Amino acid sequence: MTLDQETREALRQDFDSLVPPSPVDRRAFVAGSLSAGFAAAVAPSGDLLAQVIRTDAQGLTAGDISIPVSGGQLPAYRAMPAGKTRAATILVVQEIFGVHEHIKDVCRRFAQQGYLAIAPELYSREGDVSKLKEFKDILAIVSKVPDAQVASDLDATVAWAATQGGDTARLGVTGFCWGGRQTWLYAAHNPAVRAGVAWYGRLAGPTNERQTAHPIERAATLKAPVLGLYGGADTGIPLDTVEAMKVALSTGSDAAQRSEIVVYPDAKHAFFADYRPSYDAASAADGWQRCLGWLRQHGVA
């Protein structure tokens, strides 16, 4: 399957400025051990490893789980306050690199705020991207994932959460890059969602048999307000598509009109990804506080 150039460029931002492997020595060995939980294509080392945020699991129930879905079991990572019931539920939708250590840490950050946070492995039928280092190999798997399948798997994740101490009447969704696009789409799909936060997710582009519509075409039917967080220096998501999305939201559903988009002028793609050169600490911190505030504002707390 081929993808349009804009899509490739948007995804390629996740491969910007990757750190080349260093000579094998004790320091590199230790760094490699510390970064073992990250996707192979972007495992941090050196100065990047030093800036990585690590949220421990003290006071949490956290770890890998399996979610029943059509045709089998979906691997996922879950974090929540230990012993808590009826926790507000947040779906955390992965980057193109899958549910690696960064996404797991985001789940723990939400859990420390009182949430049941779940990140399902949404490529598990198509392949494991965690060990792949080449963009073309990862893209070959990502391009096979139908949007309808993603929505169904997220629905199954919500159903699982309801049996595991989650309050799915207080349901939110957030996602990054590939997952940011899916966040917009899921907020248009599931009326149970109260709020979404989409981090630098693609908004427009050509469609195909697996991607039948993009967020700009779903704005009119949003069922929950979404906060979009974007970088003004993101070369993979043109600012004209961000502006077009603002217009689409202003004439869409009630939820669409209550949605907001924030652009950080100097931030690049993946500015929240603390394990990458694109990380912008100030924009990331502001975005995280806006994310938590948005969820609270709309009853996901």
Protein backbone atom coordinates (compact mmCIF):
# COMPACT_ATOMS: atom_id res chain seq x y z
CA MET A 1 0.00 0.00 0.00
CA THR A 2 1.32 3.45 -0.82
CA LEU A 3 0.79 6.62 1.20
CA ASP A 4 0.67 10.17 -0.08
CA GLN A 5 3.74 12.36 0.37
CA GLU A 6 2.12 14.53 3.05
CA THR A 7 1.34 11.44 5.12
CA ARG A 8 4.87 10.13 4.74
CA GLU A 9 6.33 13.47 5.75
CA ALA A 10 4.04 13.72 8.79
CA LEU A 11 5.10 10.26 9.94
CA ARG A 12 8.73 10.86 9.03
CA GLN A 13 8.91 13.55 11.71
CA ASP A 14 9.16 10.65 14.16
CA PHE A 15 12.56 9.86 12.67
CA ASP A 16 14.06 13.37 12.79
CA SER A 17 17.55 13.74 14.21
CA LEU A 18 17.88 10.21 15.49
CA VAL A 19 21.04 9.66 17.50
CA PRO A 20 23.47 7.33 15.69
CA PRO A 21 24.77 4.32 17.61
CA SER A 22 27.90 5.02 19.64
CA PRO A 23 30.86 2.66 20.02
CA VAL A 24 30.20 -0.22 22.37
CA ASP A 25 31.71 0.52 25.77
CA ARG A 26 30.56 0.37 29.37
CA ARG A 27 28.80 3.74 29.20
CA ALA A 28 26.95 2.75 26.03
CA PHE A 29 26.03 -0.59 27.58
CA VAL A 30 24.52 1.10 30.63
CA ALA A 31 22.66 3.63 28.45
CA GLY A 32 21.35 0.82 26.28
CA SER A 33 20.10 -1.02 29.33
CA LEU A 34 18.29 2.06 30.62
CA SER A 35 16.64 2.70 27.26
CA ALA A 36 15.73 -0.92 26.56
CA GLY A 37 12.03 -0.21 27.01
CA PHE A 38 11.96 2.26 24.12
CA ALA A 39 11.26 1.39 20.50
CA ALA A 40 14.48 0.40 18.75
CA ALA A 41 14.14 3.17 16.15
CA VAL A 42 14.24 5.92 18.76
CA ALA A 43 15.90 4.51 21.86
CA PRO A 44 17.55 7.50 23.59
CA SER A 45 21.17 7.67 24.67
CA GLY A 46 23.60 10.27 26.01
CA ASP A 47 22.06 13.68 26.66
CA LEU A 48 18.68 12.52 25.40
CA LEU A 49 18.56 9.76 27.97
CA ALA A 50 19.32 12.30 30.70
CA GLN A 51 16.23 14.38 29.83
CA VAL A 52 13.79 11.45 29.80
CA ILE A 53 10.99 11.75 32.37
CA ARG A 54 10.60 8.61 34.46
CA THR A 55 7.42 8.16 36.45
CA ASP A 56 7.63 5.32 38.94
CA ALA A 57 4.81 2.95 39.70
CA GLN A 58 4.79 3.47 43.46
CA GLY A 59 1.20 3.44 44.65
CA LEU A 60 0.00 2.21 41.28
CA THR A 61 -1.21 -0.99 39.74
CA ALA A 62 0.67 -0.97 36.45
CA GLY A 63 1.74 -3.46 33.83
CA ASP A 64 0.87 -5.40 30.72
CA ILE A 65 -2.63 -6.75 30.22
CA SER A 66 -4.72 -8.43 27.50
CA ILE A 67 -8.03 -7.11 26.20
CA PRO A 68 -10.59 -9.42 24.52
CA VAL A 69 -11.26 -8.26 20.95
CA SER A 70 -12.73 -9.77 17.85
CA GLY A 71 -10.50 -12.65 16.85
CA GLY A 72 -8.33 -12.83 19.95
CA GLN A 73 -6.57 -10.80 22.63
CA LEU A 74 -5.16 -7.30 22.27
CA PRO A 75 -1.96 -6.58 24.26
CA ALA A 76 -2.07 -3.34 26.25
CA TYR A 77 -0.45 -1.45 29.10
CA ARG A 78 -2.50 -0.24 32.05
CA ALA A 79 -1.76 2.01 35.02
CA MET A 80 -4.10 3.11 37.80
CA PRO A 81 -4.00 4.01 41.51
CA ALA A 82 -3.69 0.80 43.52
CA GLY A 83 -6.97 -0.23 45.09
CA LYS A 84 -8.99 2.58 43.51
CA THR A 85 -12.37 1.86 41.97
CA ARG A 86 -14.50 3.99 39.67
CA ALA A 87 -11.47 5.84 38.37
CA ALA A 88 -12.00 8.22 35.46
CA THR A 89 -10.74 6.42 32.34
CA ILE A 90 -8.31 7.75 29.74
CA LEU A 91 -7.36 5.97 26.52
CA VAL A 92 -3.75 6.69 25.54
CA VAL A 93 -3.23 6.18 21.81
CA GLN A 94 0.30 5.34 20.72
CA GLU A 95 2.76 7.05 18.42
CA ILE A 96 3.81 5.14 15.31
CA PHE A 97 6.44 3.39 17.45
CA GLY A 98 3.82 1.45 19.39
CA VAL A 99 3.33 1.16 23.12
CA HIS A 100 6.95 1.62 24.16
CA GLU A 101 8.38 3.11 27.36
CA HIS A 102 7.37 6.70 26.62
CA ILE A 103 3.71 5.79 26.15
CA LYS A 104 3.81 3.58 29.25
CA ASP A 105 5.27 6.46 31.23
CA VAL A 106 2.45 8.73 30.03
CA CYS A 107 0.00 6.13 31.36
CA ARG A 108 1.74 6.24 34.74
CA ARG A 109 1.63 10.04 34.73
CA PHE A 110 -2.13 9.89 34.28
CA ALA A 111 -2.43 7.21 36.96
CA GLN A 112 -0.57 9.44 39.40
CA GLN A 113 -3.32 11.99 38.72
CA GLY A 114 -5.97 9.42 39.69
CA TYR A 115 -6.87 7.98 36.28
CA LEU A 116 -7.15 4.48 34.92
CA ALA A 117 -4.98 4.92 31.83
CA ILE A 118 -4.84 2.25 29.12
CA ALA A 119 -2.70 2.10 26.00
CA PRO A 120 -3.69 -0.77 23.67
CA GLU A 121 -1.22 -2.15 21.12
CA LEU A 122 -3.19 -1.12 18.04
CA TYR A 123 -0.80 -2.72 15.51
CA SER A 124 -0.69 -6.12 17.16
CA ARG A 125 -2.49 -7.88 14.29
CA GLU A 126 -0.23 -6.32 11.66
CA GLY A 127 3.16 -6.72 13.34
CA ASP A 128 5.56 -5.64 16.08
CA VAL A 129 7.24 -2.31 15.35
CA SER A 130 9.19 -2.14 18.61
CA LYS A 131 12.26 -3.96 17.24
CA LEU A 132 12.32 -2.20 13.85
CA LYS A 133 14.82 0.57 13.12
CA GLU A 134 13.97 1.50 9.53
CA PHE A 135 11.19 3.97 8.69
CA LYS A 136 10.08 1.99 5.66
CA ASP A 137 9.65 -1.18 7.72
CA ILE A 138 7.60 0.58 10.39
CA LEU A 139 5.50 2.37 7.79
CA ALA A 140 4.77 -0.94 6.06
CA ILE A 141 3.05 -2.11 9.23
CA VAL A 142 1.38 1.18 10.14
CA SER A 143 -0.13 1.56 6.67
CA LYS A 144 -2.02 -1.72 7.05
CA VAL A 145 -4.01 -0.62 10.10
CA PRO A 146 -7.62 0.34 9.21
CA ASP A 147 -9.21 3.23 11.07
CA ALA A 148 -12.36 1.14 11.59
CA GLN A 149 -10.29 -1.53 13.34
CA VAL A 150 -8.70 1.08 15.60
CA ALA A 151 -12.12 2.41 16.62
CA SER A 152 -13.35 -1.12 17.33
CA ASP A 153 -10.27 -1.93 19.42
CA LEU A 154 -10.67 1.28 21.41
CA ASP A 155 -14.32 0.37 22.00
CA ALA A 156 -13.17 -3.01 23.32
CA THR A 157 -10.66 -1.25 25.57
CA VAL A 158 -13.42 0.89 27.04
CA ALA A 159 -15.55 -2.22 27.65
CA TRP A 160 -12.59 -3.88 29.42
CA ALA A 161 -12.01 -0.79 31.56
CA ALA A 162 -15.60 -0.92 32.78
CA THR A 163 -14.93 -4.39 34.24
CA GLN A 164 -11.64 -3.37 35.89
CA GLY A 165 -12.53 -0.50 38.17
CA GLY A 166 -12.80 2.19 35.54
CA ASP A 167 -15.61 4.73 35.38
CA THR A 168 -16.30 4.84 31.66
CA ALA A 169 -18.98 7.47 32.18
CA ARG A 170 -15.95 9.73 32.69
CA LEU A 171 -14.08 8.76 29.55
CA GLY A 172 -11.33 10.68 27.80
CA VAL A 173 -8.93 9.94 24.95
CA THR A 174 -5.52 11.34 24.12
CA GLY A 175 -2.90 10.42 21.55
CA PHE A 176 0.36 11.48 19.94
CA CYS A 177 1.20 11.89 16.22
CA TRP A 178 -0.49 8.82 14.66
CA GLY A 179 -2.47 8.61 17.86
CA GLY A 180 -3.32 12.31 17.71
CA ARG A 181 -5.13 11.74 14.43
CA GLN A 182 -6.93 8.75 15.96
CA THR A 183 -7.96 10.89 18.93
CA TRP A 184 -9.91 13.25 16.68
CA LEU A 185 -11.50 10.30 14.87
CA TYR A 186 -12.48 8.50 18.06
CA ALA A 187 -14.08 11.65 19.48
CA ALA A 188 -16.28 11.61 16.39
CA HIS A 189 -16.97 7.89 16.73
CA ASN A 190 -17.89 7.23 20.35
CA PRO A 191 -20.62 9.32 22.03
CA ALA A 192 -19.41 8.11 25.44
CA VAL A 193 -16.21 10.17 25.14
CA ARG A 194 -16.41 13.37 27.17
CA ALA A 195 -13.20 15.00 25.96
CA GLY A 196 -10.13 14.40 23.83
CA VAL A 197 -6.62 15.85 23.65
CA ALA A 198 -4.85 15.39 20.30
CA TRP A 199 -1.10 16.00 20.25
CA TYR A 200 0.21 16.95 16.77
CA GLY A 201 -2.06 14.56 14.89
CA ARG A 202 -2.42 14.91 11.13
CA LEU A 203 -5.64 16.66 10.13
CA ALA A 204 -6.03 16.34 6.36
CA GLY A 205 -4.87 14.40 3.33
CA PRO A 206 -5.97 11.96 0.64
CA THR A 207 -8.11 9.01 1.69
CA ASN A 208 -7.91 5.33 0.85
CA GLU A 209 -9.62 2.05 1.70
CA ARG A 210 -8.18 2.02 5.22
CA GLN A 211 -8.23 5.73 5.95
CA THR A 212 -11.62 6.75 4.65
CA ALA A 213 -11.66 10.20 6.27
CA HIS A 214 -9.41 12.54 8.20
CA PRO A 215 -10.18 14.76 11.22
CA ILE A 216 -11.03 17.80 9.11
CA GLU A 217 -13.79 15.74 7.46
CA ARG A 218 -15.06 14.49 10.83
CA ALA A 219 -15.14 17.88 12.55
CA ALA A 220 -18.81 18.35 11.76
CA THR A 221 -19.68 15.16 13.65
CA LEU A 222 -17.46 15.42 16.75
CA LYS A 223 -19.30 14.03 19.77
CA ALA A 224 -16.84 15.39 22.31
CA PRO A 225 -14.76 18.56 22.41
CA VAL A 226 -11.10 18.07 21.52
CA LEU A 227 -8.08 20.14 22.49
CA GLY A 228 -5.54 20.06 19.66
CA LEU A 229 -1.90 20.80 20.54
CA TYR A 230 0.37 21.61 17.58
CA GLY A 231 3.84 22.92 16.82
CA GLY A 232 4.32 25.97 14.64
CA ALA A 233 7.65 24.55 13.41
CA ASP A 234 6.19 21.12 12.58
CA THR A 235 7.21 20.55 8.95
CA GLY A 236 5.00 17.47 8.62
CA ILE A 237 1.69 19.12 9.54
CA PRO A 238 1.27 22.31 7.48
CA LEU A 239 -0.14 25.23 9.43
CA ASP A 240 -2.66 25.84 6.69
CA THR A 241 -4.30 22.51 7.57
CA VAL A 242 -4.39 23.58 11.22
CA GLU A 243 -6.11 26.83 10.21
CA ALA A 244 -8.52 24.90 7.97
CA MET A 245 -9.36 22.64 10.91
CA LYS A 246 -10.18 25.69 13.03
CA VAL A 247 -12.65 26.80 10.37
CA ALA A 248 -14.18 23.33 10.14
CA LEU A 249 -14.61 23.22 13.91
CA SER A 250 -16.29 26.63 13.98
CA THR A 251 -19.08 25.41 11.69
CA GLY A 252 -19.37 21.86 13.01
CA SER A 253 -21.28 20.16 15.81
CA ASP A 254 -21.71 21.68 19.25
CA ALA A 255 -18.74 19.61 20.44
CA ALA A 256 -16.72 20.84 17.48
CA GLN A 257 -17.47 24.44 18.31
CA ARG A 258 -16.35 23.85 21.89
CA SER A 259 -13.05 22.39 20.69
CA GLU A 260 -9.82 24.40 20.73
CA ILE A 261 -6.46 24.32 18.99
CA VAL A 262 -3.28 25.68 20.53
CA VAL A 263 -0.17 26.23 18.41
CA TYR A 264 3.24 26.59 20.05
CA PRO A 265 5.04 28.83 17.54
CA ASP A 266 8.57 27.45 17.88
CA ALA A 267 7.75 23.84 18.73
CA LYS A 268 8.55 21.02 16.33
CA HIS A 269 6.70 17.79 15.75
CA ALA A 270 6.75 15.48 18.80
CA PHE A 271 7.55 18.34 21.16
CA PHE A 272 6.12 16.30 24.04
CA ALA A 273 8.41 13.32 23.41
CA ASP A 274 11.03 13.79 26.12
CA TYR A 275 13.26 11.03 24.74
CA ARG A 276 13.78 12.79 21.39
CA PRO A 277 15.72 15.79 20.06
CA SER A 278 12.42 17.49 19.17
CA TYR A 279 11.43 17.75 22.84
CA ASP A 280 10.47 21.26 23.91
CA ALA A 281 10.29 21.26 27.70
CA ALA A 282 8.33 24.51 28.02
CA SER A 283 5.75 23.61 25.38
CA ALA A 284 5.46 20.07 26.74
CA ALA A 285 4.88 21.29 30.30
CA ASP A 286 2.28 23.81 29.19
CA GLY A 287 0.58 21.23 27.00
CA TRP A 288 0.42 18.71 29.85
CA GLN A 289 -1.22 21.23 32.17
CA ARG A 290 -3.66 22.21 29.43
CA CYS A 291 -4.40 18.53 28.86
CA LEU A 292 -5.21 17.89 32.52
CA GLY A 293 -7.24 21.10 32.75
CA TRP A 294 -9.20 20.24 29.61
CA LEU A 295 -10.10 16.81 30.95
CA ARG A 296 -11.20 18.25 34.30
CA GLN A 297 -13.19 21.00 32.58
CA HIS A 298 -15.16 18.42 30.66
CA GLY A 299 -15.82 16.00 33.49
CA VAL A 300 -13.00 13.50 32.98
CA ALA A 301 -11.51 13.60 36.48
